[in-house]
């Protein structure tokens, strides 16, 4: 095989996560893409009397050990419980700030995990951990659009859906502009549904703890079946100690 062809990296060890007594996620998922990009640096300038630059300094990641990374997986078979996936600080220097699950009637479900490597150790609030668990929904390894903690009315059909969790990574720089500390907070969950009208306007109902932020509506295209998409959110609480 040619050098640099077809080799992907599971940056967060997702495939090693245990499912049940005997399986791991490697039995159900296939990694299909990954990225690793050094965190960008900033520049500060000194200017002369003509406002020309006479000296410059770059800062922010001069050690080159801070990276933005992502890994994408396809659910190829079996049933994957989403609540085995964590956002937050998985280990020292490894932080996940986004997990997105997407299903479609034209493809197998995908899971994209994004975050940062090389962070400073994060101190958790008293009584809590630096992790957030995804909701307890099951992703089936099949080419199909899937219900992810919502229902749809009988007059429409589901063509796509998504469930995502996101956090905010905070960074405190030292006097030279280099990373000195990191934090993680602000969990939010978002879900979406894409529908096509069959006998009635597209309509869906998010699960009981979700707040609908966009009703399905209706896109009335020319010479095509009407479609609609809805979205909902809820606050995502961090795990408590002792769980």
C-alpha atoms as a PDB file:
ATOM      1  CA  UNK A   1       0.000   0.000   0.000  1.00  0.00           C
ATOM      2  CA  UNK A   2       1.314   3.494  -0.848  1.00  0.00           C
ATOM      3  CA  UNK A   3       2.729   5.532   2.031  1.00  0.00           C
ATOM      4  CA  UNK A   4       0.078   7.818   3.510  1.00  0.00           C
ATOM      5  CA  UNK A   5      -2.817   5.994   1.855  1.00  0.00           C
ATOM      6  CA  UNK A   6      -5.847   4.791   3.789  1.00  0.00           C
ATOM      7  CA  UNK A   7      -4.410   4.942   7.320  1.00  0.00           C
ATOM      8  CA  UNK A   8      -6.584   6.693   9.882  1.00  0.00           C
ATOM      9  CA  UNK A   9      -6.050   7.428  13.573  1.00  0.00           C
ATOM     10  CA  UNK A  10      -8.501   6.768  16.399  1.00  0.00           C
ATOM     11  CA  UNK A  11      -7.263   9.777  18.367  1.00  0.00           C
ATOM     12  CA  UNK A  12      -9.491   9.171  21.413  1.00  0.00           C
ATOM     13  CA  UNK A  13      -9.420   5.368  21.654  1.00  0.00           C
ATOM     14  CA  UNK A  14     -13.095   5.093  20.696  1.00  0.00           C
ATOM     15  CA  UNK A  15     -12.745   1.619  19.170  1.00  0.00           C
ATOM     16  CA  UNK A  16     -11.371   0.287  22.475  1.00  0.00           C
ATOM     17  CA  UNK A  17     -14.476   1.221  24.509  1.00  0.00           C
ATOM     18  CA  UNK A  18     -16.153  -1.841  26.015  1.00  0.00           C
ATOM     19  CA  UNK A  19     -19.746  -2.692  25.091  1.00  0.00           C
ATOM     20  CA  UNK A  20     -21.243  -5.410  27.252  1.00  0.00           C
ATOM     21  CA  UNK A  21     -19.061  -8.177  28.631  1.00  0.00           C
ATOM     22  CA  UNK A  22     -17.237  -9.277  25.489  1.00  0.00           C
ATOM     23  CA  UNK A  23     -17.511  -6.661  22.731  1.00  0.00           C
ATOM     24  CA  UNK A  24     -15.812  -3.343  22.056  1.00  0.00           C
ATOM     25  CA  UNK A  25     -16.888  -0.613  19.661  1.00  0.00           C
ATOM     26  CA  UNK A  26     -14.377  -2.032  17.175  1.00  0.00           C
ATOM     27  CA  UNK A  27     -16.911  -4.821  16.599  1.00  0.00           C
ATOM     28  CA  UNK A  28     -19.536  -2.319  15.394  1.00  0.00           C
ATOM     29  CA  UNK A  29     -17.651   0.700  14.045  1.00  0.00           C
ATOM     30  CA  UNK A  30     -15.249   1.287  11.165  1.00  0.00           C
ATOM     31  CA  UNK A  31     -13.006   4.366  11.172  1.00  0.00           C
ATOM     32  CA  UNK A  32     -13.274   6.219   7.849  1.00  0.00           C
ATOM     33  CA  UNK A  33     -11.538   9.580   8.380  1.00  0.00           C
ATOM     34  CA  UNK A  34      -9.333  11.493  10.809  1.00  0.00           C
ATOM     35  CA  UNK A  35      -7.578  14.852  11.092  1.00  0.00           C
ATOM     36  CA  UNK A  36      -4.745  16.267  13.190  1.00  0.00           C
ATOM     37  CA  UNK A  37      -3.967  19.976  12.854  1.00  0.00           C
ATOM     38  CA  UNK A  38      -1.524  21.928  15.061  1.00  0.00           C
ATOM     39  CA  UNK A  39      -3.245  24.764  16.924  1.00  0.00           C
ATOM     40  CA  UNK A  40      -2.550  27.991  15.068  1.00  0.00           C
ATOM     41  CA  UNK A  41      -0.265  30.653  16.495  1.00  0.00           C
ATOM     42  CA  UNK A  42      -0.725  34.409  16.748  1.00  0.00           C
ATOM     43  CA  UNK A  43       1.695  37.185  15.822  1.00  0.00           C
ATOM     44  CA  UNK A  44       2.501  40.471  17.516  1.00  0.00           C
ATOM     45  CA  UNK A  45       4.441  43.268  15.804  1.00  0.00           C
ATOM     46  CA  UNK A  46       6.626  46.225  16.727  1.00  0.00           C
ATOM     47  CA  UNK A  47       6.276  49.173  14.350  1.00  0.00           C
ATOM     48  CA  UNK A  48       8.516  52.124  13.551  1.00  0.00           C
ATOM     49  CA  UNK A  49       7.635  55.765  12.939  1.00  0.00           C
ATOM     50  CA  UNK A  50       6.256  54.889   9.490  1.00  0.00           C
ATOM     51  CA  UNK A  51       4.109  52.064  10.921  1.00  0.00           C
ATOM     52  CA  UNK A  52       6.284  49.525   9.156  1.00  0.00           C
ATOM     53  CA  UNK A  53       6.931  46.246  10.943  1.00  0.00           C
ATOM     54  CA  UNK A  54      10.454  46.092  12.349  1.00  0.00           C
ATOM     55  CA  UNK A  55      10.102  43.055  14.621  1.00  0.00           C
ATOM     56  CA  UNK A  56       7.606  40.223  15.060  1.00  0.00           C
ATOM     57  CA  UNK A  57       7.009  37.427  17.554  1.00  0.00           C
ATOM     58  CA  UNK A  58       4.773  34.400  17.090  1.00  0.00           C
ATOM     59  CA  UNK A  59       3.173  32.775  20.130  1.00  0.00           C
ATOM     60  CA  UNK A  60       0.387  30.461  21.290  1.00  0.00           C
ATOM     61  CA  UNK A  61       1.766  27.026  20.354  1.00  0.00           C
ATOM     62  CA  UNK A  62       5.513  27.455  19.903  1.00  0.00           C
ATOM     63  CA  UNK A  63       6.150  24.040  21.505  1.00  0.00           C
ATOM     64  CA  UNK A  64       3.998  22.500  18.753  1.00  0.00           C
ATOM     65  CA  UNK A  65       2.318  20.051  21.146  1.00  0.00           C
ATOM     66  CA  UNK A  66      -1.271  21.343  20.974  1.00  0.00           C
ATOM     67  CA  UNK A  67      -3.453  19.811  18.232  1.00  0.00           C
ATOM     68  CA  UNK A  68      -7.057  19.994  17.053  1.00  0.00           C
ATOM     69  CA  UNK A  69      -8.098  16.452  16.093  1.00  0.00           C
ATOM     70  CA  UNK A  70     -11.112  14.484  14.891  1.00  0.00           C
ATOM     71  CA  UNK A  71     -11.999  10.881  14.066  1.00  0.00           C
ATOM     72  CA  UNK A  72     -15.028   9.734  12.055  1.00  0.00           C
ATOM     73  CA  UNK A  73     -16.576   6.280  12.301  1.00  0.00           C
ATOM     74  CA  UNK A  74     -19.298   4.422  10.386  1.00  0.00           C
ATOM     75  CA  UNK A  75     -21.668   2.124  12.272  1.00  0.00           C
ATOM     76  CA  UNK A  76     -21.221  -0.910  10.045  1.00  0.00           C
ATOM     77  CA  UNK A  77     -23.144  -3.541  12.043  1.00  0.00           C
ATOM     78  CA  UNK A  78     -24.721  -4.431  15.372  1.00  0.00           C
ATOM     79  CA  UNK A  79     -26.169  -1.895  17.792  1.00  0.00           C
ATOM     80  CA  UNK A  80     -24.066   0.873  19.322  1.00  0.00           C
ATOM     81  CA  UNK A  81     -25.270   2.442  22.605  1.00  0.00           C
ATOM     82  CA  UNK A  82     -24.487   6.153  22.378  1.00  0.00           C
ATOM     83  CA  UNK A  83     -24.138   6.506  26.161  1.00  0.00           C
ATOM     84  CA  UNK A  84     -20.765   4.716  26.141  1.00  0.00           C
ATOM     85  CA  UNK A  85     -19.375   7.836  24.426  1.00  0.00           C
ATOM     86  CA  UNK A  86     -18.041  10.691  26.576  1.00  0.00           C
ATOM     87  CA  UNK A  87     -17.325  14.336  25.944  1.00  0.00           C
ATOM     88  CA  UNK A  88     -14.883  16.166  28.186  1.00  0.00           C
ATOM     89  CA  UNK A  89     -11.437  15.259  29.502  1.00  0.00           C
ATOM     90  CA  UNK A  90     -10.945  11.569  28.716  1.00  0.00           C
ATOM     91  CA  UNK A  91      -7.414  11.547  30.136  1.00  0.00           C
ATOM     92  CA  UNK A  92      -4.639  14.041  30.890  1.00  0.00           C
ATOM     93  CA  UNK A  93      -4.007  16.080  27.757  1.00  0.00           C
ATOM     94  CA  UNK A  94      -6.987  14.617  25.828  1.00  0.00           C
ATOM     95  CA  UNK A  95     -10.262  16.564  25.594  1.00  0.00           C
ATOM     96  CA  UNK A  96     -13.328  15.827  23.452  1.00  0.00           C
ATOM     97  CA  UNK A  97     -15.449  18.925  22.852  1.00  0.00           C
ATOM     98  CA  UNK A  98     -17.892  17.553  20.260  1.00  0.00           C
ATOM     99  CA  UNK A  99     -19.613  14.288  19.353  1.00  0.00           C
ATOM    100  CA  UNK A 100     -21.985  14.206  16.388  1.00  0.00           C
ATOM    101  CA  UNK A 101     -24.118  11.235  15.342  1.00  0.00           C
ATOM    102  CA  UNK A 102     -25.748  11.445  11.903  1.00  0.00           C
ATOM    103  CA  UNK A 103     -28.134   9.023  10.206  1.00  0.00           C
ATOM    104  CA  UNK A 104     -29.532   9.091   6.676  1.00  0.00           C
ATOM    105  CA  UNK A 105     -31.712   6.969   4.414  1.00  0.00           C
ATOM    106  CA  UNK A 106     -28.824   6.927   1.931  1.00  0.00           C
ATOM    107  CA  UNK A 107     -25.898   5.896   4.159  1.00  0.00           C
ATOM    108  CA  UNK A 108     -24.835   4.025   7.255  1.00  0.00           C
ATOM    109  CA  UNK A 109     -24.825   6.100  10.476  1.00  0.00           C
ATOM    110  CA  UNK A 110     -21.671   8.093  11.223  1.00  0.00           C
ATOM    111  CA  UNK A 111     -20.112   9.252  14.488  1.00  0.00           C
ATOM    112  CA  UNK A 112     -17.625  12.132  14.453  1.00  0.00           C
ATOM    113  CA  UNK A 113     -15.595  12.821  17.605  1.00  0.00           C
ATOM    114  CA  UNK A 114     -13.612  16.082  17.770  1.00  0.00           C
ATOM    115  CA  UNK A 115     -11.407  17.724  20.349  1.00  0.00           C
ATOM    116  CA  UNK A 116      -7.897  18.695  21.333  1.00  0.00           C
ATOM    117  CA  UNK A 117      -4.692  16.896  22.286  1.00  0.00           C
ATOM    118  CA  UNK A 118      -1.922  18.391  24.412  1.00  0.00           C
ATOM    119  CA  UNK A 119      -4.124  20.293  26.859  1.00  0.00           C
ATOM    120  CA  UNK A 120      -3.143  21.028  30.429  1.00  0.00           C
ATOM    121  CA  UNK A 121      -4.693  18.888  33.178  1.00  0.00           C
ATOM    122  CA  UNK A 122      -8.189  20.179  34.062  1.00  0.00           C
ATOM    123  CA  UNK A 123      -9.415  20.511  37.651  1.00  0.00           C
ATOM    124  CA  UNK A 124     -13.025  19.286  37.999  1.00  0.00           C
ATOM    125  CA  UNK A 125     -15.582  21.106  40.185  1.00  0.00           C
ATOM    126  CA  UNK A 126     -16.135  19.561  43.614  1.00  0.00           C
ATOM    127  CA  UNK A 127     -18.490  16.584  43.397  1.00  0.00           C
ATOM    128  CA  UNK A 128     -18.301  16.355  39.600  1.00  0.00           C
ATOM    129  CA  UNK A 129     -16.167  14.895  36.835  1.00  0.00           C
ATOM    130  CA  UNK A 130     -14.882  16.481  33.634  1.00  0.00           C
ATOM    131  CA  UNK A 131     -17.034  14.162  31.492  1.00  0.00           C
ATOM    132  CA  UNK A 132     -20.487  14.357  29.901  1.00  0.00           C
ATOM    133  CA  UNK A 133     -22.308  11.152  28.803  1.00  0.00           C
ATOM    134  CA  UNK A 134     -24.222  11.026  25.526  1.00  0.00           C
ATOM    135  CA  UNK A 135     -27.956  10.176  25.824  1.00  0.00           C
ATOM    136  CA  UNK A 136     -29.055   6.543  26.025  1.00  0.00           C
ATOM    137  CA  UNK A 137     -30.067   6.015  22.392  1.00  0.00           C
ATOM    138  CA  UNK A 138     -29.113   3.047  20.248  1.00  0.00           C
ATOM    139  CA  UNK A 139     -27.574   3.430  16.792  1.00  0.00           C
ATOM    140  CA  UNK A 140     -28.242   0.490  14.474  1.00  0.00           C
ATOM    141  CA  UNK A 141     -25.501  -0.440  12.021  1.00  0.00           C
ATOM    142  CA  UNK A 142     -27.719  -0.312   8.950  1.00  0.00           C
ATOM    143  CA  UNK A 143     -28.309   1.974   5.945  1.00  0.00           C
ATOM    144  CA  UNK A 144     -31.342   3.774   7.324  1.00  0.00           C
ATOM    145  CA  UNK A 145     -32.532   7.038   8.857  1.00  0.00           C
ATOM    146  CA  UNK A 146     -33.120   6.452  12.569  1.00  0.00           C
ATOM    147  CA  UNK A 147     -35.158   7.934  15.424  1.00  0.00           C
ATOM    148  CA  UNK A 148     -32.819   9.492  17.997  1.00  0.00           C
ATOM    149  CA  UNK A 149     -34.996  10.251  21.062  1.00  0.00           C
ATOM    150  CA  UNK A 150     -37.936  11.643  19.069  1.00  0.00           C
ATOM    151  CA  UNK A 151     -40.991  10.393  17.207  1.00  0.00           C
ATOM    152  CA  UNK A 152     -42.575  11.401  13.890  1.00  0.00           C
ATOM    153  CA  UNK A 153     -46.203  11.607  12.822  1.00  0.00           C
ATOM    154  CA  UNK A 154     -47.678   8.897  10.595  1.00  0.00           C
ATOM    155  CA  UNK A 155     -48.228  11.299   7.693  1.00  0.00           C
ATOM    156  CA  UNK A 156     -44.495  11.760   7.024  1.00  0.00           C
ATOM    157  CA  UNK A 157     -41.343   9.665   6.747  1.00  0.00           C
ATOM    158  CA  UNK A 158     -37.895  10.175   8.238  1.00  0.00           C
ATOM    159  CA  UNK A 159     -35.054  10.793   5.758  1.00  0.00           C
ATOM    160  CA  UNK A 160     -32.288  11.923   8.120  1.00  0.00           C
ATOM    161  CA  UNK A 161     -31.468  12.753  11.730  1.00  0.00           C
ATOM    162  CA  UNK A 162     -28.650  13.880  13.999  1.00  0.00           C
ATOM    163  CA  UNK A 163     -27.754  13.969  17.675  1.00  0.00           C
ATOM    164  CA  UNK A 164     -24.796  16.033  18.838  1.00  0.00           C
ATOM    165  CA  UNK A 165     -23.201  17.170  22.069  1.00  0.00           C
ATOM    166  CA  UNK A 166     -20.854  20.134  22.353  1.00  0.00           C
ATOM    167  CA  UNK A 167     -18.716  21.752  25.043  1.00  0.00           C
ATOM    168  CA  UNK A 168     -16.477  24.812  25.229  1.00  0.00           C
ATOM    169  CA  UNK A 169     -12.727  24.536  25.812  1.00  0.00           C
ATOM    170  CA  UNK A 170     -11.313  27.538  27.693  1.00  0.00           C
ATOM    171  CA  UNK A 171      -7.624  28.467  27.642  1.00  0.00           C
ATOM    172  CA  UNK A 172      -5.602  30.670  29.981  1.00  0.00           C
ATOM    173  CA  UNK A 173      -2.335  31.951  28.526  1.00  0.00           C
ATOM    174  CA  UNK A 174       0.781  32.968  30.444  1.00  0.00           C
ATOM    175  CA  UNK A 175       2.592  36.285  30.073  1.00  0.00           C
ATOM    176  CA  UNK A 176       4.220  35.144  26.829  1.00  0.00           C
ATOM    177  CA  UNK A 177       0.901  34.077  25.310  1.00  0.00           C
ATOM    178  CA  UNK A 178       1.564  30.354  25.738  1.00  0.00           C
ATOM    179  CA  UNK A 179      -1.119  27.964  27.095  1.00  0.00           C
ATOM    180  CA  UNK A 180      -0.866  27.695  30.883  1.00  0.00           C
ATOM    181  CA  UNK A 181      -4.227  26.128  31.817  1.00  0.00           C
ATOM    182  CA  UNK A 182      -7.342  24.674  30.206  1.00  0.00           C
ATOM    183  CA  UNK A 183     -10.958  24.214  31.263  1.00  0.00           C
ATOM    184  CA  UNK A 184     -14.059  22.508  29.852  1.00  0.00           C
ATOM    185  CA  UNK A 185     -17.697  23.498  30.434  1.00  0.00           C
ATOM    186  CA  UNK A 186     -21.029  24.546  28.929  1.00  0.00           C
ATOM    187  CA  UNK A 187     -22.611  21.293  27.702  1.00  0.00           C
ATOM    188  CA  UNK A 188     -25.451  21.513  25.152  1.00  0.00           C
ATOM    189  CA  UNK A 189     -27.204  18.680  23.286  1.00  0.00           C
ATOM    190  CA  UNK A 190     -28.866  19.230  19.902  1.00  0.00           C
ATOM    191  CA  UNK A 191     -31.028  16.936  17.808  1.00  0.00           C
ATOM    192  CA  UNK A 192     -32.498  17.327  14.314  1.00  0.00           C
ATOM    193  CA  UNK A 193     -34.960  15.447  12.116  1.00  0.00           C
ATOM    194  CA  UNK A 194     -35.438  15.651   8.346  1.00  0.00           C
ATOM    195  CA  UNK A 195     -38.845  14.582   7.050  1.00  0.00           C
ATOM    196  CA  UNK A 196     -40.724  14.141   3.789  1.00  0.00           C
ATOM    197  CA  UNK A 197     -44.467  14.594   3.460  1.00  0.00           C
ATOM    198  CA  UNK A 198     -46.485  11.549   2.375  1.00  0.00           C
ATOM    199  CA  UNK A 199     -50.094  12.101   3.497  1.00  0.00           C
ATOM    200  CA  UNK A 200     -49.725  15.013   5.932  1.00  0.00           C
ATOM    201  CA  UNK A 201     -47.384  17.896   6.705  1.00  0.00           C
ATOM    202  CA  UNK A 202     -43.997  16.887   8.158  1.00  0.00           C
ATOM    203  CA  UNK A 203     -44.276  16.737  11.947  1.00  0.00           C
ATOM    204  CA  UNK A 204     -42.182  15.369  14.789  1.00  0.00           C
ATOM    205  CA  UNK A 205     -42.190  15.269  18.593  1.00  0.00           C
ATOM    206  CA  UNK A 206     -38.879  15.543  20.509  1.00  0.00           C
ATOM    207  CA  UNK A 207     -38.447  13.444  23.654  1.00  0.00           C
ATOM    208  CA  UNK A 208     -39.891  14.770  26.892  1.00  0.00           C
ATOM    209  CA  UNK A 209     -36.770  16.530  28.184  1.00  0.00           C
ATOM    210  CA  UNK A 210     -36.001  18.349  24.928  1.00  0.00           C
ATOM    211  CA  UNK A 211     -37.036  21.902  24.023  1.00  0.00           C
ATOM    212  CA  UNK A 212     -38.077  22.273  20.394  1.00  0.00           C
ATOM    213  CA  UNK A 213     -36.213  25.191  18.827  1.00  0.00           C
ATOM    214  CA  UNK A 214     -37.527  24.781  15.275  1.00  0.00           C
ATOM    215  CA  UNK A 215     -40.773  23.107  14.201  1.00  0.00           C
ATOM    216  CA  UNK A 216     -40.598  20.962  11.101  1.00  0.00           C
ATOM    217  CA  UNK A 217     -42.234  23.558   8.854  1.00  0.00           C
ATOM    218  CA  UNK A 218     -42.651  22.709   5.173  1.00  0.00           C
ATOM    219  CA  UNK A 219     -40.469  23.293   2.124  1.00  0.00           C
ATOM    220  CA  UNK A 220     -42.838  23.287  -0.846  1.00  0.00           C
ATOM    221  CA  UNK A 221     -40.558  22.494  -3.762  1.00  0.00           C
ATOM    222  CA  UNK A 222     -41.666  22.472  -7.404  1.00  0.00           C
ATOM    223  CA  UNK A 223     -42.704  19.048  -8.729  1.00  0.00           C
ATOM    224  CA  UNK A 224     -41.402  17.328  -5.596  1.00  0.00           C
ATOM    225  CA  UNK A 225     -42.686  16.006  -2.301  1.00  0.00           C
ATOM    226  CA  UNK A 226     -42.745  18.580   0.465  1.00  0.00           C
ATOM    227  CA  UNK A 227     -40.042  18.293   3.112  1.00  0.00           C
ATOM    228  CA  UNK A 228     -39.400  19.755   6.544  1.00  0.00           C
ATOM    229  CA  UNK A 229     -36.722  19.750   9.238  1.00  0.00           C
ATOM    230  CA  UNK A 230     -36.971  20.314  12.970  1.00  0.00           C
ATOM    231  CA  UNK A 231     -34.457  20.863  15.759  1.00  0.00           C
ATOM    232  CA  UNK A 232     -34.419  20.701  19.549  1.00  0.00           C
ATOM    233  CA  UNK A 233     -31.946  21.343  22.366  1.00  0.00           C
ATOM    234  CA  UNK A 234     -31.397  20.620  26.016  1.00  0.00           C
ATOM    235  CA  UNK A 235     -28.773  21.522  28.599  1.00  0.00           C
ATOM    236  CA  UNK A 236     -26.203  18.775  29.036  1.00  0.00           C
ATOM    237  CA  UNK A 237     -25.127  18.193  32.643  1.00  0.00           C
ATOM    238  CA  UNK A 238     -21.699  16.877  33.560  1.00  0.00           C
ATOM    239  CA  UNK A 239     -21.239  13.548  35.326  1.00  0.00           C
ATOM    240  CA  UNK A 240     -21.191  13.533  39.123  1.00  0.00           C
ATOM    241  CA  UNK A 241     -18.595  11.640  41.173  1.00  0.00           C
ATOM    242  CA  UNK A 242     -19.611   8.172  42.260  1.00  0.00           C
ATOM    243  CA  UNK A 243     -21.372   7.285  38.992  1.00  0.00           C
END
